[in-house]
Protein backbone atom coordinates (compact mmCIF):
# COMPACT_ATOMS: atom_id res chain seq x y z
CA MET A 1 0.00 0.00 0.00
CA ILE A 2 1.05 3.59 -0.66
CA LYS A 3 2.26 5.25 2.52
CA ASN A 4 2.54 8.84 1.28
CA LEU A 5 0.19 10.28 -1.34
CA ALA A 6 -0.06 13.97 -2.24
CA VAL A 7 -1.98 15.52 -5.13
CA THR A 8 -1.14 19.09 -6.20
CA ILE A 9 -3.59 20.93 -8.45
CA LEU A 10 -1.55 22.58 -11.22
CA VAL A 11 -4.50 23.66 -13.38
CA ASP A 12 -8.11 24.30 -12.40
CA ASN A 13 -10.79 26.84 -13.26
CA ARG A 14 -10.13 28.64 -9.99
CA SER A 15 -7.10 30.20 -8.30
CA GLU A 16 -6.90 32.16 -5.06
CA ASP A 17 -3.18 32.92 -5.42
CA PRO A 18 -2.27 35.80 -7.77
CA ARG A 19 1.00 34.02 -8.61
CA LEU A 20 -0.87 31.00 -10.00
CA ILE A 21 -2.86 31.17 -13.22
CA ALA A 22 -6.25 29.51 -13.59
CA GLU A 23 -7.78 28.32 -16.85
CA HIS A 24 -10.68 26.14 -17.98
CA GLY A 25 -8.98 22.79 -17.68
CA LEU A 26 -7.34 20.34 -15.31
CA SER A 27 -3.85 19.11 -14.49
CA LEU A 28 -2.76 17.31 -11.33
CA ARG A 29 0.68 16.33 -10.10
CA ILE A 30 0.63 13.17 -8.01
CA GLU A 31 3.34 11.97 -5.63
CA ALA A 32 2.79 8.37 -4.56
CA ASP A 33 5.75 7.33 -2.42
CA ASP A 34 8.63 7.43 -4.92
CA ARG A 35 6.39 7.73 -8.04
CA ARG A 36 5.73 11.03 -9.82
CA ILE A 37 2.69 11.18 -12.13
CA LEU A 38 1.13 13.99 -14.16
CA PHE A 39 -2.59 13.48 -14.66
CA ASP A 40 -3.87 15.57 -17.60
CA ALA A 41 -2.16 18.60 -19.08
CA GLY A 42 -4.63 21.47 -18.99
CA GLN A 43 -5.76 23.62 -21.89
CA SER A 44 -2.33 25.19 -22.43
CA ASP A 45 1.15 24.94 -20.92
CA ILE A 46 0.16 27.09 -17.93
CA PHE A 47 0.58 24.05 -15.67
CA ILE A 48 4.33 24.18 -16.30
CA ASN A 49 4.55 27.80 -15.14
CA ASN A 50 2.38 27.04 -12.11
CA ALA A 51 4.58 24.05 -11.25
CA GLU A 52 7.70 26.23 -11.40
CA THR A 53 6.05 28.80 -9.13
CA LEU A 54 5.26 26.02 -6.66
CA GLY A 55 8.82 24.70 -6.80
CA ILE A 56 7.84 21.48 -8.62
CA ASP A 57 10.22 20.04 -11.21
CA LEU A 58 8.04 18.25 -13.75
CA ARG A 59 11.10 16.62 -15.30
CA SER A 60 11.00 14.22 -12.34
CA ALA A 61 7.68 12.75 -13.52
CA GLU A 62 7.86 9.25 -14.98
CA THR A 63 4.27 8.99 -16.15
CA LEU A 64 1.64 11.07 -17.94
CA VAL A 65 -1.96 9.84 -17.75
CA LEU A 66 -4.55 11.45 -20.04
CA SER A 67 -8.15 11.04 -18.90
CA HIS A 68 -9.73 11.62 -22.33
CA GLY A 69 -9.23 13.40 -25.63
CA HIS A 70 -10.60 16.88 -24.95
CA TYR A 71 -8.53 20.02 -25.53
CA ASP A 72 -8.82 21.27 -21.94
CA HIS A 73 -7.05 18.17 -20.62
CA THR A 74 -4.44 17.71 -23.34
CA GLY A 75 -3.39 21.20 -24.45
CA GLY A 76 0.02 21.13 -22.76
CA VAL A 77 1.06 17.64 -23.84
CA ALA A 78 3.53 18.78 -26.51
CA ARG A 79 5.34 21.14 -24.11
CA MET A 80 5.41 18.47 -21.42
CA LEU A 81 6.95 15.94 -23.81
CA GLU A 82 9.54 18.52 -24.84
CA LEU A 83 10.38 19.06 -21.18
CA ASN A 84 10.43 15.35 -20.41
CA PRO A 85 10.80 13.16 -23.56
CA SER A 86 11.10 9.95 -21.55
CA LEU A 87 7.57 10.16 -20.12
CA GLN A 88 5.52 6.98 -20.26
CA VAL A 89 2.08 8.01 -21.56
CA TYR A 90 -1.12 6.16 -20.64
CA CYS A 91 -4.35 6.84 -22.54
CA HIS A 92 -7.21 5.16 -24.37
CA PRO A 93 -6.67 4.67 -28.14
CA GLY A 94 -9.88 6.62 -28.81
CA ILE A 95 -8.19 9.79 -27.63
CA PHE A 96 -7.44 10.80 -31.24
CA ILE A 97 -11.07 10.77 -32.43
CA PRO A 98 -12.29 14.15 -33.79
CA ARG A 99 -15.03 15.51 -31.55
CA TYR A 100 -17.33 18.49 -31.29
CA SER A 101 -19.58 20.30 -28.85
CA ARG A 102 -22.79 22.15 -29.67
CA GLN A 103 -22.69 25.65 -28.22
CA ALA A 104 -25.51 27.71 -26.71
CA ASP A 105 -25.97 29.59 -30.00
CA GLY A 106 -26.33 26.31 -31.91
CA GLY A 107 -22.87 26.46 -33.45
CA MET A 108 -20.50 23.49 -33.37
CA ARG A 109 -17.05 23.79 -31.81
CA PRO A 110 -14.18 21.32 -32.24
CA ILE A 111 -13.03 20.19 -28.79
CA GLY A 112 -10.70 17.28 -29.54
CA LEU A 113 -6.93 17.15 -29.55
CA SER A 114 -5.12 19.99 -31.26
CA LYS A 115 -2.87 19.07 -34.18
CA THR A 116 0.14 20.00 -32.05
CA THR A 117 -0.93 17.56 -29.33
CA ALA A 118 -1.79 14.77 -31.77
CA ASP A 119 1.53 15.15 -33.59
CA ALA A 120 3.46 15.10 -30.31
CA LEU A 121 1.73 11.91 -29.21
CA HIS A 122 2.33 10.23 -32.56
CA ARG A 123 6.03 11.07 -32.29
CA CYS A 124 6.29 9.27 -28.94
CA VAL A 125 4.37 6.18 -30.00
CA ASP A 126 7.06 3.91 -28.50
CA THR A 127 6.31 5.21 -25.00
CA ILE A 128 2.49 5.20 -25.23
CA HIS A 129 0.59 2.54 -23.35
CA TRP A 130 -2.94 2.00 -24.68
CA VAL A 131 -5.50 1.63 -21.91
CA SER A 132 -8.44 -0.37 -23.24
CA ARG A 133 -9.00 -2.23 -19.95
CA PRO A 134 -7.92 -1.63 -16.33
CA VAL A 135 -4.14 -1.24 -16.22
CA PHE A 136 -2.00 -1.47 -13.09
CA LEU A 137 0.99 0.87 -13.02
CA THR A 138 1.97 -0.81 -9.75
CA GLU A 139 0.16 -3.17 -7.41
CA ASP A 140 -1.52 -0.15 -5.79
CA ILE A 141 -1.92 2.30 -8.71
CA GLY A 142 -4.25 1.81 -11.66
CA VAL A 143 -5.92 3.42 -14.66
CA THR A 144 -9.50 2.31 -15.20
CA GLY A 145 -9.74 2.14 -18.96
CA PRO A 146 -13.33 2.40 -20.29
CA ILE A 147 -15.91 2.66 -17.52
CA PRO A 148 -19.18 0.70 -17.79
CA ARG A 149 -22.26 2.94 -17.97
CA LEU A 150 -24.66 1.24 -15.57
CA THR A 151 -26.72 4.00 -13.94
CA ALA A 152 -29.97 5.20 -15.46
CA PHE A 153 -29.47 8.85 -14.44
CA GLU A 154 -25.90 9.60 -15.61
CA ASP A 155 -24.85 10.80 -19.07
CA THR A 156 -21.78 12.43 -20.60
CA GLY A 157 -22.79 15.85 -19.28
CA GLY A 158 -23.22 17.83 -22.47
CA ALA A 159 -24.03 18.01 -26.18
CA PHE A 160 -21.03 16.09 -27.51
CA TYR A 161 -20.73 14.74 -31.06
CA LEU A 162 -18.34 12.91 -33.35
CA ASP A 163 -19.19 15.06 -36.36
CA PRO A 164 -19.74 18.79 -37.00
CA GLU A 165 -23.28 18.07 -38.26
CA ALA A 166 -24.29 16.73 -34.80
CA LYS A 167 -25.61 13.47 -36.25
CA SER A 168 -23.46 11.06 -34.21
CA PRO A 169 -23.45 11.54 -30.41
CA ASP A 170 -20.08 11.09 -28.76
CA PRO A 171 -20.26 8.63 -25.83
CA ILE A 172 -16.70 9.67 -24.85
CA ASP A 173 -15.71 6.03 -24.45
CA ASP A 174 -12.08 7.02 -23.83
CA ASP A 175 -12.97 8.54 -20.44
CA CYS A 176 -10.64 7.10 -17.78
CA ALA A 177 -9.90 7.67 -14.11
CA MET A 178 -7.18 6.53 -11.69
CA TRP A 179 -7.10 4.87 -8.29
CA PHE A 180 -4.43 4.74 -5.58
CA ILE A 181 -4.55 2.25 -2.71
CA THR A 182 -3.15 3.82 0.45
CA ASN A 183 -2.98 2.65 4.04
CA GLN A 184 -6.16 4.71 4.60
CA GLY A 185 -8.20 3.37 1.68
CA VAL A 186 -8.65 4.30 -1.99
CA THR A 187 -8.02 7.73 -3.51
CA VAL A 188 -9.80 8.29 -6.83
CA ILE A 189 -8.65 10.81 -9.46
CA THR A 190 -11.05 11.87 -12.22
CA GLY A 191 -10.61 14.10 -15.26
CA CYS A 192 -14.12 15.13 -16.35
CA CYS A 193 -15.96 11.98 -15.27
CA HIS A 194 -17.97 11.84 -18.51
CA SER A 195 -18.86 8.25 -17.59
CA GLY A 196 -20.62 9.58 -14.48
CA LEU A 197 -19.16 9.82 -11.00
CA VAL A 198 -21.27 6.96 -9.66
CA ASN A 199 -20.35 4.70 -12.58
CA THR A 200 -16.68 5.61 -12.09
CA LEU A 201 -16.65 4.87 -8.37
CA ALA A 202 -18.65 1.65 -8.80
CA HIS A 203 -16.16 0.44 -11.43
CA ILE A 204 -13.17 1.22 -9.23
CA ARG A 205 -14.83 -0.50 -6.26
CA SER A 206 -15.34 -3.59 -8.44
CA ILE A 207 -11.56 -3.63 -8.91
CA THR A 208 -10.34 -2.65 -5.44
CA GLY A 209 -12.91 -4.61 -3.45
CA SER A 210 -14.16 -3.63 -0.01
CA LEU A 211 -11.57 -0.93 0.69
CA PRO A 212 -13.15 2.42 1.63
CA ILE A 213 -12.96 5.37 -0.75
CA THR A 214 -11.19 8.02 1.30
CA ILE A 215 -10.68 10.83 -1.25
CA ILE A 216 -12.16 11.81 -4.62
CA ILE A 217 -10.51 14.66 -6.51
CA GLY A 218 -11.11 15.99 -10.03
CA GLY A 219 -13.81 17.17 -12.39
CA PHE A 220 -17.21 15.53 -11.95
CA HIS A 221 -19.02 17.14 -14.94
CA LEU A 222 -22.22 17.98 -13.12
CA LEU A 223 -22.33 21.51 -14.51
CA HIS A 224 -25.51 20.87 -16.53
CA ALA A 225 -26.88 18.04 -14.38
CA SER A 226 -30.42 18.09 -13.07
CA ALA A 227 -31.07 18.55 -9.37
CA GLU A 228 -32.27 14.95 -9.28
CA ARG A 229 -29.01 13.65 -10.71
CA ILE A 230 -26.95 15.74 -8.30
CA GLU A 231 -28.95 14.49 -5.32
CA ALA A 232 -28.68 10.89 -6.54
CA THR A 233 -24.93 11.32 -6.88
CA CYS A 234 -24.71 12.71 -3.34
CA ASP A 235 -26.82 9.79 -2.10
CA TYR A 236 -24.25 7.38 -3.54
CA LEU A 237 -21.32 9.30 -2.06
CA GLN A 238 -23.02 9.19 1.32
CA SER A 239 -23.74 5.46 1.09
CA ALA A 240 -20.12 4.84 0.05
CA GLY A 241 -18.86 6.76 3.08
CA VAL A 242 -16.43 8.91 1.09
CA GLY A 243 -14.10 10.75 3.46
CA LYS A 244 -13.09 13.80 1.40
CA ILE A 245 -14.46 15.28 -1.84
CA VAL A 246 -12.43 17.80 -3.85
CA PRO A 247 -14.56 19.03 -6.78
CA CYS A 248 -12.62 20.77 -9.56
CA HIS A 249 -12.94 22.09 -13.11
CA CYS A 250 -16.32 21.05 -14.60
CA THR A 251 -18.19 20.01 -11.45
CA GLY A 252 -20.46 23.07 -11.49
CA GLU A 253 -21.48 25.48 -8.74
CA GLY A 254 -24.86 23.84 -8.15
CA ALA A 255 -23.29 20.44 -7.54
CA VAL A 256 -20.59 21.87 -5.27
CA GLU A 257 -23.18 23.73 -3.20
CA CYS A 258 -25.25 20.58 -2.86
CA MET A 259 -22.20 18.62 -1.71
CA GLU A 260 -21.32 21.32 0.80
CA ARG A 261 -24.88 21.28 2.11
CA ARG A 262 -25.00 17.49 2.31
CA PHE A 263 -21.50 16.81 3.66
CA GLY A 264 -20.16 20.04 5.16
CA GLY A 265 -16.84 21.82 4.94
CA GLU A 266 -14.90 19.08 6.68
CA VAL A 267 -15.62 16.72 3.79
CA VAL A 268 -15.88 19.05 0.77
CA GLU A 269 -12.83 21.11 -0.18
CA ARG A 270 -13.21 23.20 -3.34
CA GLY A 271 -10.43 22.67 -5.83
CA ARG A 272 -8.10 25.54 -6.71
CA VAL A 273 -4.72 25.93 -8.35
CA GLY A 274 -1.95 25.26 -5.85
CA ALA A 275 -4.05 23.20 -3.42
CA ILE A 276 -2.36 20.09 -2.07
CA VAL A 277 -4.63 17.17 -1.15
CA LYS A 278 -3.32 14.43 1.11
């Protein structure tokens, strides 16, 4: 079991420190005993500047895990691979699929990998590990691979498509999360949780067994969720006995407020750039 686990938020939508820059995106630096992992790479390379400000040397990372193929989680990949060419990259093979989002005005916006990111990943094909099923980085660290969609009330969280004509919905099958088994229980890391937070946690519990989930940190994509879905999600978190919840990025103010109301400030800690979760 992991004895020392610390997660530093390098990119989030929110920052309370004027030295640290926020953007719509997510990037987390994870220290798990002697392992150094970067989970997602934000919308740009701002995470590198934030890491330098925090005194973190990203060249010490051995692993880059990409939760899915959206621009706000992959935008800094090329710069990160320049900084650290030996990185072992873990992602689902569907990460390269072109994808689009329908905007409020009805227009369609491309939201997949940029050409710069795609080219950088293709250049490091020898160090990419395709995650099409649960993969163990160590005995106590894993990447979920595709997450079964079992709940009736969870969806991908938005109007996502595989084509600019909006004829083919995008199920975002490449959505992945991570788990870390510590001496306290299981810490779960999510990117956008397009598979649904309940589906994600249920899948990880099916892998890790009866161990308690002590911490969940990441984006939960409840921004456009109904009140019923948010309450049902909170019901599951309560039944699972989750110890700490750190909502970031795309969780949405309504969902965060509901979690704060249901669980209180001792359990819910709002994500922000520079926060360290242990």
